């Protein structure tokens, strides 16, 4: 059937198909930029995690393998669980970094992407207590990246390839990864729309009152609450309008990408939320249209940068890396290279097809259940209510329940609602661990000071050495509420380490979290805030029975 309409003009279907393809098409230079940034993020994450290597990733720390397995998905996959030897775990850190370098330079890019995904999932399952939405989003981006031609440009693979690189790519995989990014933004905006603070424009002001998170420019912006309120409301509107990232093309898309990148960069220098700004920027790189790269080239030419010369030099350097011998080795065994290529193509198509069908079925269940979730009257966060309702719906469909189990094991179970600050936090938190020594003295074992329930620091972000320590303490707090072993392992670690570091043994440890209620009037006046106290856990070191030690008043 012809795709032409009357008078030889394209039919409506052909025009729609062209418009759709244009919107899911990714420039191959954007794919290369994403590949490079993804590899750099892996290396940066490994270096940052290594600061707490003994504390978080070895049997001598607070998250031994048994606890990690207990709190992970039932069939969680982790290469790091193959050993408990800290030297071998450190070697796996190094190996993961080497594979990330392979991804950056684009050598056997598909293999490097698959291995990077497996190692990232493995490390997250090795310690599930220090994770955030940034880790979840990064796993999803790497998952979709396995189906993308990341090595099409700016790679060793491209230099060895016997054809010119494609200018752009449009496929089911490009559509899925772009939709993934928009889905995160849009569902976050939808859940924020159920919050009076976000709709009323006060959320940004309250969030920047959280001393535990704000740093650098965040402390200065707190002095301008009106600006924070406007900025927060503009961000909320951007989230609701994030579907325009797909709808727009050319300069319109570029302008919107620029706004989102600017927003994430502002978060990076104001609030301590880990890698989320940088992971989000990696996803936004995929939306960069050809006009962006044309403008970059024009700018480089204008300032006298010899782009062609640099490209030739890098290409000559890449030629020093040998091409993969895999195909040649297989041909020695009488297997034609063409058959191998067809097999790879078939596996790719079937795998991606299964993913697409699963997404369609899960989406159908979600649409049937969303009304129930929104109408729910319980008091838990909206995103948790939606997730719970969807899980109930999936439990009624055996096949989808199995799919969800596999997704959880691989670290790619999609949060139905990405509820990042959907209900803005209106409290500051800090921790006080009153403990008794063998000599009968009382100390705050968490802050290494005398026992007091006053703030340990003027700026509470200083109580956590790294941002993952803050996520871990959230897990400790939840462990006390849910009754798991996370607080116990921390208490035992404190008992064991205190004698080595302070020359005296502890007999008892209590754990408390102090909450400070944040209002518009007390954003920059912590001393005027109302405080409440949460007991997390009581512990007796060695053979001592747990007991209460100098509890807070009220």
Protein backbone atom coordinates (compact mmCIF):
# COMPACT_ATOMS: atom_id res chain seq x y z
CA UNK A 1 0.00 0.00 0.00
CA UNK A 2 1.38 3.41 -0.92
CA UNK A 3 2.24 5.89 1.80
CA UNK A 4 1.23 8.71 -0.56
CA UNK A 5 -2.06 10.54 -0.22
CA UNK A 6 -3.99 12.42 -2.84
CA UNK A 7 -1.86 14.44 -5.25
CA UNK A 8 1.28 12.49 -4.34
CA UNK A 9 1.63 14.12 -0.89
CA UNK A 10 2.58 11.92 2.08
CA UNK A 11 -0.35 10.29 3.83
CA UNK A 12 -1.32 11.22 7.37
CA UNK A 13 0.17 7.95 8.64
CA UNK A 14 3.47 8.65 6.90
CA UNK A 15 3.62 12.16 8.36
CA UNK A 16 2.86 10.85 11.84
CA UNK A 17 5.48 8.14 11.46
CA UNK A 18 8.06 10.70 10.38
CA UNK A 19 7.18 13.01 13.27
CA UNK A 20 7.37 10.16 15.79
CA UNK A 21 10.69 8.89 14.44
CA UNK A 22 12.13 12.39 14.60
CA UNK A 23 11.25 12.66 18.28
CA UNK A 24 12.81 9.36 19.32
CA UNK A 25 15.93 9.82 17.19
CA UNK A 26 19.16 10.25 19.15
CA UNK A 27 22.24 11.89 17.65
CA UNK A 28 25.16 9.46 17.73
CA UNK A 29 27.35 12.18 19.29
CA UNK A 30 24.84 12.41 22.15
CA UNK A 31 25.11 8.64 22.58
CA UNK A 32 28.89 8.96 22.77
CA UNK A 33 28.69 11.77 25.31
CA UNK A 34 26.32 9.68 27.43
CA UNK A 35 28.70 6.70 27.22
CA UNK A 36 31.67 8.76 28.37
CA UNK A 37 29.80 10.42 31.24
CA UNK A 38 28.33 7.07 32.37
CA UNK A 39 31.81 5.57 32.59
CA UNK A 40 33.11 8.59 34.48
CA UNK A 41 30.20 8.34 36.92
CA UNK A 42 31.07 4.71 37.65
CA UNK A 43 34.70 5.59 38.37
CA UNK A 44 33.73 8.58 40.51
CA UNK A 45 31.27 6.44 42.46
CA UNK A 46 33.90 3.77 43.12
CA UNK A 47 36.36 6.38 44.39
CA UNK A 48 33.74 7.96 46.65
CA UNK A 49 32.58 4.59 47.99
CA UNK A 50 36.17 3.60 48.74
CA UNK A 51 36.24 6.24 51.50
CA UNK A 52 33.95 3.93 53.52
CA UNK A 53 35.33 0.67 52.13
CA UNK A 54 35.93 -1.13 55.42
CA UNK A 55 32.82 0.28 57.08
CA UNK A 56 30.30 -0.49 54.33
CA UNK A 57 31.75 -3.22 52.09
CA UNK A 58 33.58 -5.78 54.23
CA UNK A 59 32.56 -8.39 56.79
CA UNK A 60 34.25 -6.33 59.51
CA UNK A 61 31.91 -3.42 58.80
CA UNK A 62 28.23 -2.76 59.47
CA UNK A 63 26.82 -4.56 56.41
CA UNK A 64 28.13 -8.15 56.26
CA UNK A 65 27.10 -10.34 53.35
CA UNK A 66 24.40 -12.10 55.39
CA UNK A 67 22.65 -8.80 56.18
CA UNK A 68 22.93 -7.56 52.59
CA UNK A 69 21.34 -10.76 51.29
CA UNK A 70 18.60 -10.60 53.91
CA UNK A 71 17.61 -7.07 52.86
CA UNK A 72 18.00 -7.50 49.08
CA UNK A 73 15.60 -9.12 46.64
CA UNK A 74 15.21 -12.87 47.07
CA UNK A 75 17.30 -13.75 44.02
CA UNK A 76 19.47 -10.64 43.97
CA UNK A 77 22.45 -10.92 41.64
CA UNK A 78 25.82 -9.75 42.96
CA UNK A 79 29.29 -10.62 41.78
CA UNK A 80 30.53 -9.12 45.05
CA UNK A 81 28.74 -11.85 47.01
CA UNK A 82 31.14 -14.45 45.59
CA UNK A 83 33.68 -13.62 48.30
CA UNK A 84 34.03 -12.08 51.75
CA UNK A 85 37.78 -11.54 51.46
CA UNK A 86 38.34 -7.74 51.63
CA UNK A 87 41.33 -8.00 49.29
CA UNK A 88 39.24 -9.73 46.64
CA UNK A 89 36.39 -7.26 47.13
CA UNK A 90 38.91 -4.46 46.61
CA UNK A 91 40.13 -6.24 43.47
CA UNK A 92 36.53 -6.31 42.19
CA UNK A 93 36.36 -2.54 42.77
CA UNK A 94 39.45 -2.17 40.59
CA UNK A 95 38.08 -4.53 37.92
CA UNK A 96 34.83 -2.57 37.80
CA UNK A 97 36.84 0.61 37.29
CA UNK A 98 38.82 -0.97 34.44
CA UNK A 99 35.58 -2.02 32.72
CA UNK A 100 34.31 1.55 33.13
CA UNK A 101 37.46 2.77 31.36
CA UNK A 102 36.71 0.29 28.57
CA UNK A 103 33.25 1.84 28.30
CA UNK A 104 34.65 5.37 28.19
CA UNK A 105 36.98 4.62 25.26
CA UNK A 106 34.34 2.50 23.53
CA UNK A 107 36.25 -0.76 23.13
CA UNK A 108 33.86 -3.68 22.59
CA UNK A 109 31.26 -1.20 23.76
CA UNK A 110 28.25 -3.52 23.97
CA UNK A 111 30.18 -5.99 26.13
CA UNK A 112 31.54 -3.16 28.28
CA UNK A 113 28.02 -1.80 28.76
CA UNK A 114 26.63 -5.18 29.80
CA UNK A 115 29.50 -5.78 32.24
CA UNK A 116 29.20 -2.26 33.64
CA UNK A 117 25.49 -2.81 34.26
CA UNK A 118 26.15 -6.15 35.99
CA UNK A 119 28.85 -4.68 38.23
CA UNK A 120 26.76 -1.63 39.14
CA UNK A 121 23.82 -3.87 40.10
CA UNK A 122 26.20 -6.16 42.00
CA UNK A 123 27.69 -3.32 44.03
CA UNK A 124 24.23 -1.95 44.87
CA UNK A 125 23.12 -5.39 46.07
CA UNK A 126 26.37 -5.73 48.03
CA UNK A 127 25.16 -2.88 50.24
CA UNK A 128 21.49 -1.94 49.72
CA UNK A 129 21.49 0.33 52.79
CA UNK A 130 23.34 3.27 51.22
CA UNK A 131 21.31 3.67 48.03
CA UNK A 132 19.16 6.50 46.72
CA UNK A 133 17.06 7.35 43.69
CA UNK A 134 20.29 8.25 41.88
CA UNK A 135 21.41 4.62 42.02
CA UNK A 136 18.00 3.42 40.80
CA UNK A 137 17.97 5.83 37.86
CA UNK A 138 21.56 4.96 36.92
CA UNK A 139 20.73 1.25 36.83
CA UNK A 140 17.82 1.94 34.48
CA UNK A 141 19.89 4.14 32.18
CA UNK A 142 22.56 1.43 31.95
CA UNK A 143 19.90 -1.22 31.38
CA UNK A 144 18.48 0.61 28.35
CA UNK A 145 22.02 1.48 27.24
CA UNK A 146 22.71 -2.21 26.64
CA UNK A 147 20.33 -1.97 23.67
CA UNK A 148 21.85 1.25 22.29
CA UNK A 149 24.79 1.62 19.86
CA UNK A 150 26.90 3.63 22.29
CA UNK A 151 30.06 2.92 20.32
CA UNK A 152 28.79 4.45 17.07
CA UNK A 153 30.97 7.55 17.45
CA UNK A 154 34.07 8.67 19.37
CA UNK A 155 35.13 5.10 20.17
CA UNK A 156 37.76 2.49 19.44
CA UNK A 157 35.00 0.41 17.87
CA UNK A 158 34.16 3.23 15.46
CA UNK A 159 37.78 3.51 14.33
CA UNK A 160 37.97 -0.22 13.53
CA UNK A 161 34.54 -0.35 11.87
CA UNK A 162 34.57 -0.65 8.08
CA UNK A 163 31.77 1.87 7.55
CA UNK A 164 31.09 5.50 8.34
CA UNK A 165 29.27 6.12 11.63
CA UNK A 166 25.55 6.75 11.51
CA UNK A 167 24.57 10.35 12.19
CA UNK A 168 21.69 9.30 14.42
CA UNK A 169 19.70 6.28 15.57
CA UNK A 170 15.95 5.75 15.97
CA UNK A 171 14.65 2.47 17.37
CA UNK A 172 12.53 0.95 20.10
CA UNK A 173 15.54 1.20 22.41
CA UNK A 174 16.03 4.92 21.81
CA UNK A 175 12.32 5.47 22.45
CA UNK A 176 12.45 3.51 25.70
CA UNK A 177 15.47 5.29 27.15
CA UNK A 178 14.04 8.72 26.32
CA UNK A 179 10.66 7.77 27.77
CA UNK A 180 12.45 6.51 30.90
CA UNK A 181 13.94 9.95 31.56
CA UNK A 182 10.64 11.74 30.94
CA UNK A 183 8.79 9.16 33.06
CA UNK A 184 11.00 9.97 36.05
CA UNK A 185 10.35 13.69 35.75
CA UNK A 186 6.65 13.51 34.91
CA UNK A 187 5.61 11.00 37.59
CA UNK A 188 7.60 12.99 40.13
CA UNK A 189 5.65 16.07 39.08
CA UNK A 190 2.35 14.19 39.36
CA UNK A 191 3.10 13.02 42.90
CA UNK A 192 4.22 16.54 43.82
CA UNK A 193 0.83 17.82 42.59
CA UNK A 194 -0.75 16.00 45.55
CA UNK A 195 1.34 18.10 47.95
CA UNK A 196 -0.04 21.42 49.20
CA UNK A 197 3.51 22.73 49.67
CA UNK A 198 4.53 22.17 46.05
CA UNK A 199 1.28 23.48 44.60
CA UNK A 200 1.37 26.45 46.96
CA UNK A 201 4.98 27.32 46.14
CA UNK A 202 6.41 26.87 49.66
CA UNK A 203 8.17 23.52 49.18
CA UNK A 204 11.47 24.94 47.94
CA UNK A 205 11.73 27.24 50.94
CA UNK A 206 11.12 24.41 53.41
CA UNK A 207 13.56 22.02 51.71
CA UNK A 208 16.36 24.57 51.96
CA UNK A 209 15.73 24.78 55.68
CA UNK A 210 17.11 21.24 56.09
CA UNK A 211 20.60 21.74 57.54
CA UNK A 212 21.29 18.02 57.21
CA UNK A 213 21.26 18.40 53.41
CA UNK A 214 22.04 21.98 52.39
CA UNK A 215 25.62 23.06 51.77
CA UNK A 216 27.72 25.54 49.76
CA UNK A 217 25.34 28.03 48.08
CA UNK A 218 22.34 26.45 49.79
CA UNK A 219 23.19 28.19 53.06
CA UNK A 220 23.23 31.55 51.26
CA UNK A 221 20.00 30.99 49.33
CA UNK A 222 18.22 30.22 52.58
CA UNK A 223 18.43 33.95 53.29
CA UNK A 224 16.21 34.64 50.26
CA UNK A 225 13.06 32.56 50.91
CA UNK A 226 11.01 34.33 48.23
CA UNK A 227 13.52 33.34 45.56
CA UNK A 228 13.50 29.75 46.83
CA UNK A 229 9.71 29.64 46.70
CA UNK A 230 9.67 30.87 43.10
CA UNK A 231 12.45 28.49 42.10
CA UNK A 232 10.71 25.51 43.66
CA UNK A 233 7.43 26.31 41.93
CA UNK A 234 9.15 26.77 38.55
CA UNK A 235 10.84 23.36 39.00
CA UNK A 236 7.45 21.81 39.81
CA UNK A 237 6.00 23.28 36.60
CA UNK A 238 9.00 22.00 34.61
CA UNK A 239 8.39 18.49 35.93
CA UNK A 240 4.76 18.60 34.86
CA UNK A 241 5.83 19.88 31.45
CA UNK A 242 8.68 17.39 31.04
CA UNK A 243 6.74 15.57 28.30
CA UNK A 244 7.84 18.49 26.11
CA UNK A 245 11.32 16.94 26.10
CA UNK A 246 9.82 14.38 23.72
CA UNK A 247 7.34 16.64 21.96
CA UNK A 248 9.84 19.35 21.03
CA UNK A 249 12.66 19.01 18.51
CA UNK A 250 15.58 21.16 17.43
CA UNK A 251 16.20 24.42 19.26
CA UNK A 252 13.04 24.10 21.33
CA UNK A 253 14.22 20.79 22.78
CA UNK A 254 17.71 22.19 23.29
CA UNK A 255 16.35 25.14 25.29
CA UNK A 256 14.31 22.85 27.55
CA UNK A 257 17.26 20.49 28.07
CA UNK A 258 19.31 23.54 29.05
CA UNK A 259 16.73 24.50 31.67
CA UNK A 260 16.74 21.02 33.20
CA UNK A 261 20.55 20.86 33.21
CA UNK A 262 20.69 24.28 34.88
CA UNK A 263 18.23 23.06 37.50
CA UNK A 264 20.31 19.97 38.27
CA UNK A 265 23.54 21.97 38.44
CA UNK A 266 21.89 24.31 40.93
CA UNK A 267 20.99 21.28 43.06
CA UNK A 268 24.59 20.05 42.87
CA UNK A 269 25.90 23.20 44.57
CA UNK A 270 23.09 23.69 47.09
CA UNK A 271 21.76 20.36 48.40
CA UNK A 272 23.72 17.24 49.28
CA UNK A 273 21.70 14.60 47.41
CA UNK A 274 24.51 12.47 46.09
CA UNK A 275 24.94 11.72 42.41
CA UNK A 276 21.35 12.43 41.36
CA UNK A 277 22.10 15.72 39.53
CA UNK A 278 24.92 14.14 37.52
CA UNK A 279 23.02 10.94 36.69
CA UNK A 280 20.08 13.06 35.54
CA UNK A 281 22.37 15.16 33.36
CA UNK A 282 23.69 11.94 31.80
CA UNK A 283 20.12 11.04 30.84
CA UNK A 284 19.50 14.54 29.47
CA UNK A 285 22.53 14.27 27.16
CA UNK A 286 20.52 11.79 25.08
CA UNK A 287 18.06 14.57 24.21
CA UNK A 288 20.71 16.89 22.74
CA UNK A 289 19.73 17.53 19.09
CA UNK A 290 22.16 17.90 16.15
CA UNK A 291 21.94 21.70 16.34
CA UNK A 292 23.75 21.58 19.69
CA UNK A 293 26.72 19.73 18.26
CA UNK A 294 26.77 22.02 15.23
CA UNK A 295 26.96 25.03 17.54
CA UNK A 296 29.74 23.39 19.56
CA UNK A 297 31.73 22.75 16.37
CA UNK A 298 31.20 26.34 15.23
CA UNK A 299 32.40 27.64 18.60
CA UNK A 300 35.50 25.42 18.57
CA UNK A 301 36.37 26.53 15.03
CA UNK A 302 35.93 30.15 16.06
CA UNK A 303 38.41 29.86 18.94
CA UNK A 304 40.93 28.07 16.72
CA UNK A 305 40.62 24.48 17.96
CA UNK A 306 41.77 22.02 15.27
CA UNK A 307 38.93 19.52 15.67
CA UNK A 308 39.88 17.50 12.58
CA UNK A 309 43.49 17.26 13.72
CA UNK A 310 42.49 16.09 17.18
CA UNK A 311 40.12 13.54 15.66
CA UNK A 312 42.90 12.19 13.42
CA UNK A 313 45.35 11.94 16.33
CA UNK A 314 42.85 10.17 18.55
CA UNK A 315 41.94 7.86 15.66
CA UNK A 316 45.59 6.91 15.15
CA UNK A 317 45.91 6.22 18.86
CA UNK A 318 42.77 4.06 18.80
CA UNK A 319 44.20 2.02 15.92
CA UNK A 320 46.94 0.85 18.28
CA UNK A 321 44.27 -1.06 20.20
CA UNK A 322 43.74 -4.43 18.48
CA UNK A 323 40.32 -5.21 17.08
CA UNK A 324 38.43 -7.94 18.90
CA UNK A 325 39.51 -11.43 17.76
CA UNK A 326 36.24 -13.07 18.81
CA UNK A 327 34.71 -13.36 15.34
CA UNK A 328 37.93 -14.67 13.84
CA UNK A 329 38.29 -17.29 16.56
CA UNK A 330 34.76 -18.53 15.95
CA UNK A 331 35.38 -18.80 12.21
CA UNK A 332 38.27 -21.16 12.95
CA UNK A 333 35.71 -23.60 14.32
CA UNK A 334 33.74 -23.46 11.08
CA UNK A 335 31.01 -21.07 12.28
CA UNK A 336 30.40 -18.36 9.64
CA UNK A 337 30.64 -14.79 10.91
CA UNK A 338 27.32 -14.01 9.22
CA UNK A 339 25.55 -16.65 11.29
CA UNK A 340 27.00 -15.18 14.49
CA UNK A 341 25.80 -11.72 13.51
CA UNK A 342 22.30 -13.06 12.79
CA UNK A 343 22.28 -14.85 16.15
CA UNK A 344 23.30 -11.69 17.97
CA UNK A 345 20.64 -9.71 16.13
CA UNK A 346 18.02 -12.33 16.98
CA UNK A 347 18.92 -12.36 20.67
CA UNK A 348 18.81 -8.56 20.73
CA UNK A 349 15.39 -8.45 19.05
CA UNK A 350 13.83 -11.15 21.23
CA UNK A 351 15.18 -9.64 24.45
CA UNK A 352 13.99 -6.15 23.59
CA UNK A 353 10.64 -7.57 22.47
CA UNK A 354 10.14 -9.31 25.81
CA UNK A 355 10.94 -6.06 27.61
CA UNK A 356 8.45 -4.07 25.52
CA UNK A 357 5.63 -6.60 25.97
CA UNK A 358 6.27 -6.70 29.72
CA UNK A 359 6.14 -2.91 29.93
CA UNK A 360 2.81 -2.85 28.07
CA UNK A 361 1.27 -5.48 30.37
CA UNK A 362 2.52 -3.85 33.58
CA UNK A 363 1.27 -0.47 32.32
CA UNK A 364 -2.17 -1.99 31.74
CA UNK A 365 -2.27 -3.31 35.31
CA UNK A 366 -1.15 0.10 36.56
CA UNK A 367 -3.90 1.95 34.68
CA UNK A 368 -6.54 -0.34 36.16
CA UNK A 369 -5.15 0.18 39.68
CA UNK A 370 -4.22 3.89 39.71
CA UNK A 371 -7.71 5.02 40.73
CA UNK A 372 -7.56 2.82 43.81
CA UNK A 373 -4.15 4.23 44.76
CA UNK A 374 -5.17 7.87 44.45
CA UNK A 375 -8.37 7.25 46.45
CA UNK A 376 -6.51 5.47 49.27
CA UNK A 377 -6.98 7.08 52.66
CA UNK A 378 -3.92 5.70 54.47
CA UNK A 379 -1.27 8.08 55.73
CA UNK A 380 1.85 6.68 54.06
CA UNK A 381 3.58 8.66 51.28
CA UNK A 382 1.67 8.75 47.98
CA UNK A 383 4.41 7.01 45.99
CA UNK A 384 4.46 4.12 48.50
CA UNK A 385 0.67 3.76 48.29
CA UNK A 386 0.83 3.59 44.48
CA UNK A 387 3.64 1.02 44.60
CA UNK A 388 1.73 -1.11 47.12
CA UNK A 389 -1.44 -1.07 45.01
CA UNK A 390 0.49 -2.02 41.88
CA UNK A 391 2.19 -4.91 43.70
CA UNK A 392 -1.23 -6.17 44.75
CA UNK A 393 -2.34 -5.99 41.13
CA UNK A 394 0.74 -7.86 39.90
CA UNK A 395 0.22 -10.58 42.50
CA UNK A 396 -3.04 -11.44 40.76
CA UNK A 397 -1.23 -12.16 37.48
CA UNK A 398 1.20 -15.07 37.86
CA UNK A 399 3.34 -14.29 34.81
CA UNK A 400 3.78 -10.64 35.75
CA UNK A 401 4.63 -11.59 39.32
CA UNK A 402 7.50 -13.69 38.00
CA UNK A 403 8.62 -10.80 35.81
CA UNK A 404 8.62 -8.50 38.83
CA UNK A 405 10.76 -11.04 40.73
CA UNK A 406 13.31 -11.10 37.91
CA UNK A 407 13.31 -7.30 37.70
CA UNK A 408 13.93 -6.98 41.44
CA UNK A 409 16.77 -9.48 41.23
CA UNK A 410 18.39 -7.49 38.42
CA UNK A 411 17.85 -4.16 40.16
CA UNK A 412 15.46 -2.79 37.53
CA UNK A 413 12.07 -2.92 39.23
CA UNK A 414 10.56 0.36 38.10
CA UNK A 415 9.26 2.67 40.83
CA UNK A 416 5.70 3.44 39.71
CA UNK A 417 5.96 6.93 41.13
CA UNK A 418 9.40 8.51 41.41
CA UNK A 419 8.56 10.30 44.65
CA UNK A 420 11.75 12.33 45.08
CA UNK A 421 10.69 14.97 47.61
CA UNK A 422 7.09 14.40 46.49
CA UNK A 423 6.07 15.31 50.02
CA UNK A 424 8.82 17.74 51.04
CA UNK A 425 10.60 16.97 54.26
CA UNK A 426 9.76 19.53 56.92
CA UNK A 427 12.16 18.34 59.60
CA UNK A 428 15.87 18.34 60.31
CA UNK A 429 17.41 15.22 61.78
CA UNK A 430 20.44 14.41 63.85
CA UNK A 431 21.52 11.47 65.95
CA UNK A 432 22.55 11.05 69.58
CA UNK A 433 23.82 7.69 70.88
CA UNK A 434 24.10 7.82 74.70
CA UNK A 435 26.46 5.07 75.85
CA UNK A 436 27.95 3.88 79.15
CA UNK A 437 31.60 2.92 79.52
CA UNK A 438 32.93 0.13 81.72
CA UNK A 439 34.04 2.85 84.18
CA UNK A 440 30.47 4.17 84.38
CA UNK A 441 31.02 7.34 82.35
CA UNK A 442 28.35 8.52 79.88
CA UNK A 443 29.30 9.53 76.32
CA UNK A 444 27.59 10.25 73.04
CA UNK A 445 29.07 7.40 70.98
CA UNK A 446 27.86 8.76 67.64
CA UNK A 447 29.31 12.26 67.97
CA UNK A 448 32.21 11.41 70.37
CA UNK A 449 31.18 14.01 72.98
CA UNK A 450 29.45 14.24 76.34
CA UNK A 451 25.79 13.23 76.29
CA UNK A 452 23.57 16.12 75.26
CA UNK A 453 20.60 16.31 72.96
CA UNK A 454 21.62 19.69 71.58
CA UNK A 455 22.82 19.93 68.00
CA UNK A 456 26.26 18.39 67.48
CA UNK A 457 27.09 20.99 64.80
CA UNK A 458 25.71 24.33 63.62
CA UNK A 459 25.47 22.80 60.15
CA UNK A 460 24.08 19.30 60.51
CA UNK A 461 25.52 18.02 57.22
CA UNK A 462 28.84 17.80 59.09
CA UNK A 463 27.59 14.85 61.16
CA UNK A 464 27.91 12.63 58.06
CA UNK A 465 31.37 12.16 56.58
CA UNK A 466 29.91 11.20 53.17
CA UNK A 467 26.49 11.49 51.59
CA UNK A 468 26.11 7.69 51.63
CA UNK A 469 26.47 7.80 55.41
CA UNK A 470 23.30 9.91 55.51
CA UNK A 471 21.45 7.33 53.40
CA UNK A 472 22.78 4.61 55.69
CA UNK A 473 21.51 6.39 58.81
CA UNK A 474 18.08 6.58 57.18
CA UNK A 475 18.28 2.78 56.87
CA UNK A 476 19.26 2.52 60.55
CA UNK A 477 16.27 4.66 61.52
CA UNK A 478 13.90 2.57 59.41
CA UNK A 479 15.49 -0.59 60.82
CA UNK A 480 14.46 0.48 64.29
CA UNK A 481 10.91 1.08 63.09
CA UNK A 482 10.63 -2.18 61.14
CA UNK A 483 12.55 -4.33 63.61
CA UNK A 484 15.33 -5.59 61.33
CA UNK A 485 19.00 -6.14 62.25
CA UNK A 486 20.49 -2.96 60.77
CA UNK A 487 20.67 -1.04 64.10
CA UNK A 488 22.06 -4.10 65.89
CA UNK A 489 25.00 -4.43 63.51
CA UNK A 490 25.81 -0.74 63.92
CA UNK A 491 25.61 -0.99 67.71
CA UNK A 492 27.90 -4.03 67.76
CA UNK A 493 30.37 -2.23 65.52
CA UNK A 494 30.39 0.77 67.87
CA UNK A 495 31.01 -1.49 70.86
CA UNK A 496 33.94 -3.19 69.11
CA UNK A 497 35.57 -0.04 67.76
CA UNK A 498 35.18 2.22 70.79
CA UNK A 499 37.80 0.39 72.85
CA UNK A 500 40.34 0.52 70.01
CA UNK A 501 39.80 4.22 69.38
CA UNK A 502 39.25 5.52 72.93
CA UNK A 503 41.01 3.06 75.23
CA UNK A 504 37.91 2.09 77.19
CA UNK A 505 35.12 -0.40 76.61
CA UNK A 506 31.41 0.31 76.29
CA UNK A 507 28.78 -1.71 78.13
CA UNK A 508 25.57 -0.22 76.70
CA UNK A 509 24.50 1.88 73.71
CA UNK A 510 21.16 3.58 73.01
CA UNK A 511 20.24 5.17 69.69
CA UNK A 512 18.05 8.26 69.35
CA UNK A 513 17.10 10.47 66.44
CA UNK A 514 16.21 14.09 67.16
CA UNK A 515 13.68 15.80 64.89
CA UNK A 516 13.46 19.57 64.47
CA UNK A 517 10.25 20.80 62.85
CA UNK A 518 10.96 23.29 60.06
CA UNK A 519 8.54 26.15 59.43
CA UNK A 520 8.88 29.26 57.27
CA UNK A 521 9.60 31.23 60.43
CA UNK A 522 12.38 28.92 61.65
CA UNK A 523 14.21 28.17 58.39
CA UNK A 524 17.34 29.97 59.61
CA UNK A 525 16.61 29.80 63.36
CA UNK A 526 17.10 26.18 64.49
CA UNK A 527 17.05 27.14 68.17
CA UNK A 528 13.38 28.17 67.82
CA UNK A 529 12.23 24.86 66.36
CA UNK A 530 10.11 22.31 68.19
CA UNK A 531 11.97 19.06 68.86
CA UNK A 532 10.75 15.50 69.14
CA UNK A 533 12.75 12.35 69.86
CA UNK A 534 12.64 8.87 68.35
CA UNK A 535 14.22 5.92 70.11
CA UNK A 536 15.74 3.67 67.45
CA UNK A 537 17.40 0.86 69.42
CA UNK A 538 18.86 -0.25 72.77
CA UNK A 539 21.89 -2.51 72.85
CA UNK A 540 24.01 -4.28 75.45
CA UNK A 541 27.63 -4.82 74.47
CA UNK A 542 29.08 -8.32 74.91
CA UNK A 543 26.93 -10.11 77.55
CA UNK A 544 25.23 -7.04 79.00
CA UNK A 545 21.45 -6.75 78.77
CA UNK A 546 20.03 -3.66 77.02
CA UNK A 547 19.02 -0.79 79.31
CA UNK A 548 17.89 2.82 79.05
CA UNK A 549 20.66 5.43 79.28
CA UNK A 550 19.87 9.10 79.95
CA UNK A 551 16.83 9.43 77.67
CA UNK A 552 15.85 12.87 76.35
CA UNK A 553 13.31 14.99 78.17
CA UNK A 554 9.89 14.92 76.48
